[in-house]
N, C-alpha and C. Protein backbone atom coordinates (compact mmCIF):
# COMPACT_ATOMS: atom_id res chain seq x y z
N MET A 1 16.06 -8.31 -10.61
CA MET A 1 17.43 -7.92 -10.59
C MET A 1 18.58 -7.79 -8.88
N THR A 2 17.87 -7.20 -8.72
CA THR A 2 17.79 -7.32 -6.35
C THR A 2 17.97 -8.08 -6.37
N PHE A 3 17.33 -9.49 -6.69
CA PHE A 3 18.20 -10.83 -6.08
C PHE A 3 18.72 -11.17 -6.33
N ILE A 4 19.27 -10.57 -7.79
CA ILE A 4 21.14 -11.13 -8.58
C ILE A 4 21.97 -10.38 -7.47
N ARG A 5 21.59 -9.54 -7.78
CA ARG A 5 22.45 -7.87 -6.74
C ARG A 5 22.56 -8.38 -5.14
N SER A 6 21.58 -9.16 -4.42
CA SER A 6 21.86 -9.63 -3.39
C SER A 6 22.93 -10.48 -2.94
N ILE A 7 22.90 -11.54 -4.23
CA ILE A 7 23.44 -12.60 -4.57
C ILE A 7 24.61 -12.18 -3.98
N LEU A 8 25.04 -11.65 -5.07
CA LEU A 8 26.61 -11.12 -5.66
C LEU A 8 27.18 -10.76 -4.52
N LEU A 9 26.39 -9.77 -3.55
CA LEU A 9 27.21 -9.19 -2.76
C LEU A 9 27.16 -9.49 -1.63
N LEU A 10 25.93 -10.78 -1.56
CA LEU A 10 26.12 -12.27 -0.21
C LEU A 10 27.79 -12.57 -0.64
N ALA A 11 27.75 -13.08 -2.09
CA ALA A 11 28.91 -13.83 -2.17
C ALA A 11 30.28 -12.80 -2.01
N ALA A 12 30.53 -11.91 -2.54
CA ALA A 12 31.20 -10.81 -2.37
C ALA A 12 32.14 -11.24 -0.50
N LEU A 13 31.55 -10.96 -0.16
CA LEU A 13 31.00 -10.61 1.50
C LEU A 13 31.78 -11.75 2.11
N THR A 14 30.93 -13.33 1.90
CA THR A 14 31.11 -14.65 2.50
C THR A 14 33.49 -15.02 1.61
N PHE A 15 33.56 -14.63 0.72
CA PHE A 15 35.34 -14.94 0.37
C PHE A 15 35.47 -13.23 0.42
N SER A 16 35.10 -12.05 1.19
CA SER A 16 36.08 -10.95 1.28
C SER A 16 36.86 -11.52 2.63
N ALA A 17 38.23 -10.87 3.23
CA ALA A 17 39.07 -10.92 3.72
C ALA A 17 38.64 -11.99 4.86
N PRO A 18 39.03 -12.80 5.66
CA PRO A 18 37.99 -13.41 7.20
C PRO A 18 38.65 -12.38 7.98
N ALA A 19 39.77 -11.57 7.89
CA ALA A 19 39.96 -10.69 8.99
C ALA A 19 39.00 -9.79 8.99
N MET A 20 38.73 -9.58 8.12
CA MET A 20 36.97 -8.34 8.09
C MET A 20 36.07 -8.67 9.03
N ALA A 21 35.49 -9.48 9.47
CA ALA A 21 34.55 -10.06 10.13
C ALA A 21 33.26 -9.16 10.04
N GLN A 22 32.52 -9.20 8.79
CA GLN A 22 31.30 -8.32 9.41
C GLN A 22 30.04 -8.74 10.14
N ASN A 23 29.17 -7.95 10.03
CA ASN A 23 27.89 -8.54 10.82
C ASN A 23 27.18 -8.23 10.37
N VAL A 24 25.99 -8.68 9.33
CA VAL A 24 25.07 -8.66 8.52
C VAL A 24 23.68 -9.16 8.93
N ALA A 25 22.46 -8.12 8.52
CA ALA A 25 21.75 -8.23 9.13
C ALA A 25 19.96 -8.60 8.30
N VAL A 26 19.91 -8.92 8.73
CA VAL A 26 18.13 -8.75 7.56
C VAL A 26 17.05 -8.38 8.04
N ILE A 27 16.19 -7.65 7.35
CA ILE A 27 14.66 -6.26 8.31
C ILE A 27 13.62 -6.78 6.58
N SER A 28 12.58 -6.80 7.27
CA SER A 28 11.29 -6.68 7.25
C SER A 28 10.39 -5.88 7.23
N GLN A 29 10.56 -4.22 6.18
CA GLN A 29 10.13 -3.66 6.45
C GLN A 29 8.24 -3.33 7.11
N GLU A 30 7.59 -3.95 6.09
CA GLU A 30 6.76 -4.66 6.08
C GLU A 30 6.02 -5.33 7.41
N MET A 31 7.25 -5.76 7.79
CA MET A 31 6.44 -7.09 8.38
C MET A 31 6.63 -6.59 10.11
N ALA A 32 7.93 -5.19 10.36
CA ALA A 32 7.79 -4.38 11.40
C ALA A 32 6.59 -3.19 11.42
N LEU A 33 6.28 -2.76 10.26
CA LEU A 33 4.91 -2.10 10.18
C LEU A 33 3.90 -2.34 10.22
N THR A 34 3.62 -3.65 10.29
CA THR A 34 2.23 -4.19 10.19
C THR A 34 2.12 -5.04 11.57
N THR A 35 2.61 -5.13 12.41
CA THR A 35 2.62 -6.14 13.45
C THR A 35 3.13 -5.35 14.31
N SER A 36 3.85 -4.28 14.51
CA SER A 36 3.91 -3.32 15.58
C SER A 36 2.68 -2.77 16.52
N LYS A 37 2.22 -2.43 16.89
CA LYS A 37 1.28 -2.45 18.23
C LYS A 37 0.70 -0.62 16.91
N VAL A 38 1.81 0.13 16.56
CA VAL A 38 1.20 1.00 16.04
C VAL A 38 1.31 0.75 15.33
N GLY A 39 1.63 -0.22 14.57
CA GLY A 39 0.72 -0.35 12.85
C GLY A 39 -0.45 -1.04 12.98
N ILE A 40 -0.37 -1.61 13.78
CA ILE A 40 -1.50 -2.70 14.14
C ILE A 40 -2.64 -1.30 14.48
N TYR A 41 -2.25 -0.80 14.98
CA TYR A 41 -3.33 0.66 15.35
C TYR A 41 -3.87 1.83 14.03
N VAL A 42 -3.18 2.31 13.51
CA VAL A 42 -3.11 2.13 11.96
C VAL A 42 -4.39 1.51 11.52
N GLY A 43 -3.72 0.43 11.25
CA GLY A 43 -4.80 -0.78 9.81
C GLY A 43 -6.18 -0.48 10.83
N GLN A 44 -6.16 -0.59 12.04
CA GLN A 44 -7.66 -1.10 12.65
C GLN A 44 -8.38 0.78 12.73
N GLN A 45 -7.44 1.91 12.28
CA GLN A 45 -8.36 2.72 12.83
C GLN A 45 -8.76 3.33 10.32
N LEU A 46 -7.79 3.04 9.59
CA LEU A 46 -7.89 3.04 8.31
C LEU A 46 -8.56 2.31 7.69
N GLN A 47 -9.20 0.85 8.70
CA GLN A 47 -10.85 0.24 7.98
C GLN A 47 -11.96 0.92 8.52
N VAL A 48 -11.60 1.92 9.90
CA VAL A 48 -12.85 2.86 9.79
C VAL A 48 -13.38 3.87 9.31
N ILE A 49 -11.95 3.46 8.45
CA ILE A 49 -12.23 5.19 7.86
C ILE A 49 -12.82 4.87 6.80
N ASP A 50 -12.22 3.30 6.40
CA ASP A 50 -12.37 2.79 4.81
C ASP A 50 -14.23 2.97 5.77
N ASN A 51 -14.76 2.56 5.99
CA ASN A 51 -16.07 2.54 6.56
C ASN A 51 -17.17 2.99 6.20
N GLN A 52 -15.95 4.46 6.43
CA GLN A 52 -16.91 5.98 6.78
C GLN A 52 -16.96 5.97 5.01
N ILE A 53 -16.43 5.92 4.49
CA ILE A 53 -16.41 6.63 3.15
C ILE A 53 -17.10 5.31 2.36
N ASP A 54 -17.30 4.34 2.56
CA ASP A 54 -18.15 3.42 2.21
C ASP A 54 -19.62 3.96 2.43
N ALA A 55 -20.30 4.21 3.45
CA ALA A 55 -21.45 4.66 4.24
C ALA A 55 -21.66 5.77 3.56
N GLU A 56 -20.97 6.87 3.30
CA GLU A 56 -21.48 7.47 2.86
C GLU A 56 -21.67 7.79 0.76
N PHE A 57 -20.65 6.69 0.69
CA PHE A 57 -20.83 6.48 -0.94
C PHE A 57 -22.14 6.15 -1.78
N GLU A 58 -22.73 5.35 0.10
CA GLU A 58 -23.76 3.94 -0.15
C GLU A 58 -24.95 5.12 -1.25
N PRO A 59 -24.98 6.42 -0.97
CA PRO A 59 -26.36 7.31 -0.93
C PRO A 59 -25.78 7.22 -2.80
N GLU A 60 -24.91 7.21 -3.65
CA GLU A 60 -24.61 7.47 -4.95
C GLU A 60 -24.74 5.86 -5.39
N LEU A 61 -24.50 4.57 -4.28
CA LEU A 61 -24.13 3.36 -5.02
C LEU A 61 -25.34 2.69 -5.71
N VAL A 62 -26.58 3.12 -4.45
CA VAL A 62 -28.14 2.24 -4.64
C VAL A 62 -28.61 3.07 -6.65
N PRO A 63 -28.70 4.63 -6.71
CA PRO A 63 -29.24 4.33 -8.18
C PRO A 63 -28.32 2.89 -9.12
N LEU A 64 -26.70 3.39 -8.81
CA LEU A 64 -26.01 2.81 -9.97
C LEU A 64 -26.13 1.67 -9.69
N ARG A 65 -26.21 1.11 -8.70
CA ARG A 65 -26.63 -0.33 -8.74
C ARG A 65 -27.59 -1.32 -9.26
N ALA A 66 -29.50 0.13 -9.17
CA ALA A 66 -30.58 -0.47 -9.90
C ALA A 66 -29.95 0.43 -11.36
N GLN A 67 -29.61 1.19 -11.68
CA GLN A 67 -29.25 1.21 -13.67
C GLN A 67 -28.50 -0.06 -14.08
N ALA A 68 -27.43 -0.64 -13.36
CA ALA A 68 -26.86 -2.06 -14.08
C ALA A 68 -27.28 -3.22 -13.95
N GLN A 69 -28.42 -3.29 -12.66
CA GLN A 69 -28.65 -4.20 -12.46
C GLN A 69 -30.54 -4.02 -14.00
N GLN A 70 -31.41 -3.46 -14.05
CA GLN A 70 -32.12 -2.44 -15.36
C GLN A 70 -31.37 -3.35 -16.41
N LEU A 71 -30.18 -2.05 -16.38
CA LEU A 71 -29.28 -2.69 -17.90
C LEU A 71 -28.77 -4.09 -17.95
N ASN A 72 -28.29 -4.87 -16.65
CA ASN A 72 -28.80 -6.24 -17.32
C ASN A 72 -29.93 -7.00 -17.68
N ALA A 73 -30.99 -6.58 -17.08
CA ALA A 73 -32.24 -7.51 -17.57
C ALA A 73 -32.79 -6.50 -19.23
N GLU A 74 -32.16 -5.77 -19.39
CA GLU A 74 -32.48 -5.94 -20.80
C GLU A 74 -31.43 -6.34 -21.76
N ALA A 75 -30.27 -6.04 -21.46
CA ALA A 75 -29.44 -6.99 -22.30
C ALA A 75 -29.89 -9.03 -22.05
N SER A 76 -29.54 -9.07 -20.74
CA SER A 76 -30.25 -11.03 -20.65
C SER A 76 -31.32 -11.01 -21.93
N ALA A 77 -32.50 -10.32 -22.08
CA ALA A 77 -33.56 -10.48 -22.60
C ALA A 77 -33.40 -10.26 -23.93
N LEU A 78 -31.87 -10.10 -24.62
CA LEU A 78 -31.78 -9.37 -25.89
C LEU A 78 -31.07 -11.11 -26.56
N ALA A 79 -30.95 -11.15 -27.79
CA ALA A 79 -30.35 -12.17 -28.40
C ALA A 79 -28.87 -11.40 -28.79
N PRO A 80 -27.87 -12.67 -28.63
CA PRO A 80 -26.06 -11.78 -28.68
C PRO A 80 -26.36 -11.21 -30.00
N GLU A 81 -27.12 -11.73 -30.92
CA GLU A 81 -26.79 -10.20 -32.19
C GLU A 81 -27.43 -8.72 -32.44
N VAL A 82 -28.19 -8.95 -31.14
CA VAL A 82 -29.27 -7.88 -31.51
C VAL A 82 -28.82 -7.13 -30.79
N LEU A 83 -27.72 -8.02 -29.48
CA LEU A 83 -27.65 -6.84 -28.29
C LEU A 83 -25.85 -5.72 -29.33
N ARG A 84 -25.18 -6.53 -30.29
CA ARG A 84 -24.19 -6.03 -30.77
C ARG A 84 -24.34 -5.00 -31.49
N THR A 85 -25.76 -4.92 -32.61
CA THR A 85 -26.32 -3.27 -32.72
C THR A 85 -26.91 -2.21 -31.98
N ARG A 86 -27.20 -2.65 -30.38
CA ARG A 86 -27.32 -1.98 -29.67
C ARG A 86 -26.73 -1.12 -29.24
N ASN A 87 -25.79 -0.24 -29.45
CA ASN A 87 -25.11 1.41 -29.40
C ASN A 87 -25.33 2.13 -27.72
N ASP A 88 -26.67 1.98 -27.66
CA ASP A 88 -27.34 2.32 -26.58
C ASP A 88 -26.50 1.83 -25.47
N LEU A 89 -26.94 1.07 -25.67
CA LEU A 89 -27.15 -0.12 -24.19
C LEU A 89 -25.84 0.01 -23.29
N MET A 90 -24.59 -0.24 -25.23
CA MET A 90 -23.56 0.17 -24.78
C MET A 90 -22.73 0.92 -24.04
N ARG A 91 -23.01 2.26 -24.26
CA ARG A 91 -22.92 3.42 -24.13
C ARG A 91 -23.55 3.28 -22.75
N ARG A 92 -24.71 2.71 -22.08
CA ARG A 92 -25.29 3.48 -20.78
C ARG A 92 -23.85 2.16 -19.82
N GLU A 93 -23.90 1.47 -20.36
CA GLU A 93 -22.42 -0.01 -19.45
C GLU A 93 -21.47 1.17 -19.52
N GLN A 94 -20.85 2.06 -20.58
CA GLN A 94 -19.28 2.85 -20.32
C GLN A 94 -19.71 3.96 -19.53
N ASP A 95 -20.80 4.58 -19.60
CA ASP A 95 -21.56 5.28 -19.01
C ASP A 95 -21.77 4.52 -16.84
N LEU A 96 -22.17 3.51 -16.86
CA LEU A 96 -21.99 3.53 -15.49
C LEU A 96 -20.63 3.12 -14.95
N ARG A 97 -19.75 2.21 -16.04
CA ARG A 97 -18.29 1.17 -15.65
C ARG A 97 -17.77 3.05 -15.07
N LEU A 98 -17.68 4.19 -16.12
CA LEU A 98 -17.20 5.13 -15.93
C LEU A 98 -17.06 6.02 -14.08
N LYS A 99 -18.80 5.81 -13.97
CA LYS A 99 -18.85 6.51 -12.71
C LYS A 99 -18.58 5.98 -11.77
N LEU A 100 -18.99 4.68 -11.68
CA LEU A 100 -18.45 3.55 -10.34
C LEU A 100 -16.82 3.39 -10.41
N GLY A 101 -15.73 3.48 -11.44
CA GLY A 101 -14.44 3.42 -11.27
C GLY A 101 -14.53 5.49 -11.04
N GLU A 102 -14.60 5.90 -10.83
CA GLU A 102 -14.34 7.75 -10.38
C GLU A 102 -15.09 7.61 -8.89
N LEU A 103 -15.88 6.93 -8.57
CA LEU A 103 -15.90 6.73 -7.18
C LEU A 103 -14.65 5.41 -6.62
N ALA A 104 -14.12 4.61 -7.07
CA ALA A 104 -13.60 3.89 -6.44
C ALA A 104 -12.21 4.08 -6.53
N ASN A 105 -11.90 5.16 -7.79
CA ASN A 105 -10.21 6.36 -7.30
C ASN A 105 -11.23 7.16 -6.85
N TRP A 106 -11.07 8.14 -6.56
CA TRP A 106 -11.66 8.69 -5.20
C TRP A 106 -12.04 7.90 -4.03
N LYS A 107 -11.97 7.20 -3.51
CA LYS A 107 -12.01 6.18 -2.32
C LYS A 107 -10.48 6.26 -1.94
N GLN A 108 -9.49 5.09 -3.44
CA GLN A 108 -8.27 5.17 -3.00
C GLN A 108 -7.80 6.50 -3.30
N ARG A 109 -7.90 7.14 -2.94
CA ARG A 109 -7.11 8.73 -3.38
C ARG A 109 -7.00 9.11 -1.88
N GLN A 110 -8.37 8.96 -1.26
CA GLN A 110 -8.77 9.45 -0.27
C GLN A 110 -8.14 8.40 0.96
N MET A 111 -8.12 7.30 0.74
CA MET A 111 -7.74 5.69 1.08
C MET A 111 -5.83 6.34 1.20
N ALA A 112 -4.99 6.47 0.08
CA ALA A 112 -3.95 6.53 0.67
C ALA A 112 -3.42 7.72 0.59
N ALA A 113 -3.59 8.93 0.94
CA ALA A 113 -3.66 9.93 1.09
C ALA A 113 -4.09 10.13 3.40
N SER A 114 -4.56 9.43 3.24
CA SER A 114 -4.80 8.81 4.52
C SER A 114 -3.72 7.91 5.47
N ARG A 115 -4.25 7.38 4.30
CA ARG A 115 -2.66 6.51 5.17
C ARG A 115 -1.36 7.21 5.05
N ASN A 116 -0.65 7.57 3.69
CA ASN A 116 1.04 8.34 3.62
C ASN A 116 0.54 9.00 4.80
N GLN A 117 -0.48 10.01 5.42
CA GLN A 117 0.09 10.85 6.27
C GLN A 117 -0.49 10.43 8.14
N ALA A 118 -0.59 9.41 7.97
CA ALA A 118 -1.06 7.91 9.39
C ALA A 118 0.46 7.57 9.42
N LEU A 119 1.05 7.45 8.04
CA LEU A 119 2.40 6.29 8.58
C LEU A 119 3.38 6.89 8.90
N LYS A 120 3.67 8.87 8.94
CA LYS A 120 4.63 9.54 8.76
C LYS A 120 5.70 8.75 10.43
N PRO A 121 4.78 9.41 11.18
CA PRO A 121 5.54 9.65 12.35
C PRO A 121 5.77 7.95 12.47
N VAL A 122 5.06 7.15 11.68
CA VAL A 122 5.75 5.29 12.32
C VAL A 122 6.51 5.08 11.47
N LEU A 123 7.01 5.99 10.21
CA LEU A 123 8.11 5.67 9.33
C LEU A 123 9.14 6.33 10.30
N GLU A 124 9.07 7.34 10.80
CA GLU A 124 9.74 8.03 11.77
C GLU A 124 10.54 7.04 12.76
N ALA A 125 9.34 6.73 13.57
CA ALA A 125 9.39 5.47 14.41
C ALA A 125 10.59 4.52 14.55
N TYR A 126 10.13 4.14 12.99
CA TYR A 126 10.75 2.60 12.59
C TYR A 126 12.04 3.28 11.50
N GLN A 127 12.21 4.50 11.70
CA GLN A 127 13.69 4.24 11.14
C GLN A 127 14.38 4.10 12.74
N ALA A 128 13.95 5.23 13.64
CA ALA A 128 14.79 5.58 14.76
C ALA A 128 15.23 3.50 15.28
N ALA A 129 13.83 3.23 15.19
CA ALA A 129 14.19 1.68 16.02
C ALA A 129 14.73 0.97 15.60
N VAL A 130 15.28 1.10 13.69
CA VAL A 130 16.59 0.41 12.89
C VAL A 130 17.34 1.06 13.06
N ASN A 131 18.08 2.07 13.49
CA ASN A 131 19.01 2.89 13.79
C ASN A 131 19.58 2.06 15.20
N GLY A 132 18.65 2.29 16.46
CA GLY A 132 18.92 1.30 17.62
C GLY A 132 19.64 0.33 17.84
N VAL A 133 18.68 -0.57 16.81
CA VAL A 133 19.32 -1.90 16.81
C VAL A 133 20.07 -2.23 15.81
N ILE A 134 20.53 -1.16 14.91
CA ILE A 134 21.61 -1.67 14.15
C ILE A 134 23.14 -1.61 15.09
N ALA A 135 23.30 0.30 16.19
CA ALA A 135 23.67 0.35 16.95
C ALA A 135 23.79 -0.61 18.17
N ASP A 136 23.42 -1.46 18.52
CA ASP A 136 22.90 -2.16 19.82
C ASP A 136 24.00 -3.73 19.45
N LYS A 137 23.44 -3.79 18.36
CA LYS A 137 23.98 -5.09 17.41
C LYS A 137 25.58 -4.90 16.28
N LYS A 138 25.61 -3.78 16.39
CA LYS A 138 26.71 -3.13 15.60
C LYS A 138 26.63 -3.87 13.73
N ILE A 139 26.06 -3.59 13.28
CA ILE A 139 25.49 -4.34 12.32
C ILE A 139 26.32 -3.37 11.13
N ASP A 140 27.10 -4.60 10.51
CA ASP A 140 28.03 -3.40 9.17
C ASP A 140 26.81 -3.52 8.13
N ILE A 141 25.68 -4.55 7.64
CA ILE A 141 24.99 -4.48 6.57
C ILE A 141 24.11 -4.88 7.18
N LEU A 142 22.58 -4.20 6.45
CA LEU A 142 21.54 -4.10 6.34
C LEU A 142 20.94 -5.01 5.29
N PHE A 143 19.92 -6.09 5.05
CA PHE A 143 19.77 -6.33 3.78
C PHE A 143 17.74 -5.76 3.93
N ASP A 144 17.00 -5.43 2.80
CA ASP A 144 15.91 -5.24 3.08
C ASP A 144 15.55 -7.33 2.50
N GLY A 145 14.95 -7.69 3.83
CA GLY A 145 14.16 -9.02 4.05
C GLY A 145 12.84 -9.13 2.54
N ALA A 146 12.65 -8.74 2.20
CA ALA A 146 12.09 -9.17 0.61
C ALA A 146 13.23 -9.94 -0.71
N ASP A 147 14.36 -8.92 -0.37
CA ASP A 147 14.91 -9.43 -2.12
C ASP A 147 15.95 -10.53 -1.08
N ILE A 148 15.67 -11.25 -0.09
CA ILE A 148 16.34 -12.40 0.56
C ILE A 148 15.55 -13.53 0.92
N LEU A 149 16.31 -14.56 0.04
CA LEU A 149 14.99 -15.79 0.33
C LEU A 149 15.50 -16.97 1.67
N PHE A 150 16.23 -17.04 2.51
CA PHE A 150 16.18 -18.00 3.07
C PHE A 150 17.67 -16.98 4.80
N ARG A 151 15.97 -16.61 5.75
CA ARG A 151 17.69 -16.16 6.55
C ARG A 151 17.44 -16.81 8.30
N ASN A 152 18.39 -16.81 9.28
CA ASN A 152 17.60 -17.27 9.71
C ASN A 152 17.39 -16.54 10.97
N LYS A 153 17.39 -16.74 12.51
CA LYS A 153 16.67 -16.06 13.15
C LYS A 153 17.44 -14.86 14.13
N GLN A 154 19.08 -15.44 14.36
CA GLN A 154 19.77 -14.71 14.27
C GLN A 154 19.96 -13.45 13.27
N SER A 155 20.01 -13.61 12.51
CA SER A 155 20.50 -12.52 11.29
C SER A 155 19.15 -11.43 10.70
N ASP A 156 17.56 -11.80 11.75
CA ASP A 156 16.64 -11.08 11.67
C ASP A 156 16.56 -10.81 12.67
N ILE A 157 16.31 -8.89 12.36
CA ILE A 157 16.24 -8.25 12.97
C ILE A 157 14.78 -7.41 12.99
N THR A 158 14.00 -7.46 12.23
CA THR A 158 12.58 -6.76 12.29
C THR A 158 11.99 -7.66 13.71
N GLU A 159 12.11 -8.27 14.56
CA GLU A 159 11.54 -8.74 16.15
C GLU A 159 11.82 -7.78 16.69
N ALA A 160 13.54 -7.91 16.65
CA ALA A 160 13.86 -6.83 17.74
C ALA A 160 13.57 -4.91 17.24
N VAL A 161 13.62 -4.64 16.38
CA VAL A 161 13.83 -3.44 15.83
C VAL A 161 11.75 -3.71 16.57
N VAL A 162 10.56 -4.05 15.89
CA VAL A 162 9.26 -4.04 16.36
C VAL A 162 9.00 -4.24 18.33
N ILE A 163 9.65 -4.18 18.98
CA ILE A 163 9.95 -4.67 20.36
C ILE A 163 10.33 -2.63 20.16
N LYS A 164 11.58 -2.57 19.80
CA LYS A 164 12.35 -0.83 20.49
C LYS A 164 10.44 -0.19 19.32
N MET A 165 10.05 -0.20 18.75
CA MET A 165 8.91 0.96 17.98
C MET A 165 7.63 0.43 19.07
N ASP A 166 8.10 -0.80 19.60
CA ASP A 166 6.71 -0.78 20.65
C ASP A 166 6.65 -0.06 21.88
N ALA A 167 8.25 0.09 22.31
CA ALA A 167 8.62 1.10 23.50
C ALA A 167 8.58 2.40 23.38
N ALA A 168 8.22 2.95 21.83
CA ALA A 168 8.81 4.42 21.57
C ALA A 168 7.35 4.75 21.25
N LEU A 169 6.22 3.67 20.69
CA LEU A 169 5.09 4.07 19.77
C LEU A 169 4.06 3.20 20.12
N THR A 170 3.13 3.57 20.51
CA THR A 170 2.04 2.53 20.32
C THR A 170 0.27 3.05 19.39
N THR A 171 0.25 4.24 19.91
CA THR A 171 -1.02 5.50 18.50
C THR A 171 -0.19 6.34 17.35
N THR A 172 -0.85 6.37 16.68
CA THR A 172 -0.86 7.93 16.04
C THR A 172 -1.75 8.71 16.10
N SER A 173 -2.17 9.24 15.29
CA SER A 173 -3.32 9.87 15.05
C SER A 173 -3.89 9.47 13.29
N VAL A 174 -4.48 9.22 13.03
CA VAL A 174 -5.27 8.85 12.30
C VAL A 174 -6.55 9.64 11.87
N ALA A 175 -5.80 10.53 10.95
CA ALA A 175 -7.15 11.25 10.35
C ALA A 175 -7.69 10.56 8.78
N ARG A 176 -9.08 11.29 7.95
CA ARG A 176 -9.36 11.28 7.00
C ARG A 176 -9.06 12.30 6.11
N VAL A 177 -8.61 11.80 4.56
CA VAL A 177 -7.64 13.36 4.69
C VAL A 177 -8.62 13.19 2.96
N ARG A 178 -8.90 14.27 3.31
CA ARG A 178 -10.43 14.21 1.89
C ARG A 178 -9.88 15.20 0.64
N VAL A 179 -10.25 14.42 -0.41
CA VAL A 179 -9.31 14.68 -1.59
C VAL A 179 -10.25 15.43 -2.71
N PRO A 180 -10.19 15.55 -3.51
CA PRO A 180 -11.11 16.80 -4.56
C PRO A 180 -11.68 14.77 -5.03
N ARG A 181 -12.73 15.46 -5.56
CA ARG A 181 -13.74 14.34 -6.29
C ARG A 181 -12.68 14.42 -7.77
N VAL A 182 -12.65 14.72 -8.30
CA VAL A 182 -12.16 15.06 -9.05
C VAL A 182 -10.10 15.32 -9.41
N PRO A 183 -9.29 14.22 -9.71
CA PRO A 183 -8.06 14.68 -9.06
C PRO A 183 -7.57 16.16 -9.77
N PRO A 184 -6.53 16.71 -9.47
CA PRO A 184 -6.10 18.26 -10.29
C PRO A 184 -5.58 17.81 -11.48
N ALA A 185 -5.35 18.01 -12.35
CA ALA A 185 -5.26 18.06 -13.89
C ALA A 185 -3.62 17.93 -13.65
N ALA A 186 -2.78 17.68 -14.16
CA ALA A 186 -1.59 17.03 -14.38
C ALA A 186 -1.49 18.14 -14.74
N PRO A 187 0.22 19.09 -14.70
CA PRO A 187 0.61 20.52 -15.31
C PRO A 187 1.08 19.87 -16.48
N ALA A 188 0.59 20.72 -17.37
CA ALA A 188 1.02 21.06 -18.60
C ALA A 188 2.69 20.87 -19.10
N GLN A 189 2.91 19.67 -20.27
CA GLN A 189 4.59 19.40 -20.33
C GLN A 189 5.17 20.68 -21.61
N GLY A 190 6.38 20.60 -21.39
CA GLY A 190 6.44 21.64 -21.43
C GLY A 190 6.18 22.22 -23.55
N ALA A 191 6.11 23.41 -24.15
CA ALA A 191 5.55 23.88 -24.94
C ALA A 191 5.75 22.76 -26.38
N ARG A 192 5.56 22.58 -27.52
CA ARG A 192 5.67 21.85 -28.17
C ARG A 192 6.70 23.02 -29.02
N ARG A 193 7.31 23.08 -29.95
CA ARG A 193 8.05 23.49 -30.85
C ARG A 193 7.78 23.91 -31.68
């Protein structure tokens, strides 16, 4: 839907009054954030945090892996007809999946919280760089590159934004954000009447 809106907007701009010259540009926020020096630094630090979490989870994962191997050995020794009747094996498999899923979810929430915290100053630098390039190039309309199928180098300001970001910020604080193992319960919806 956004693609169609972008095409319609571009068509409208193309056929608007010729006297009204408009400077249109495109930017890729994702590329600017990942290729800037600070973006690369944040990515490297988040990988370190990811490895730390994996190392901390390893003592819990070792017995779970052993249980999974034992369960697989038991299940593979049984005929398919017998396996379908073994509710105890299915329950054990579900318990293992649940425990592994909880660990994966906990890790994902810690990584997301750490990433979000680290990106706050990066996004501020990005916004300042975008505003600076818009002012420098007198841009009237800026499109998100994710919605554009084709762009030429002259209309893409991503590189100019990265240069401004690199001049303003090359590193930032990246710290692990610890979250509770069990996510907080969602607030109860309004009481039923």
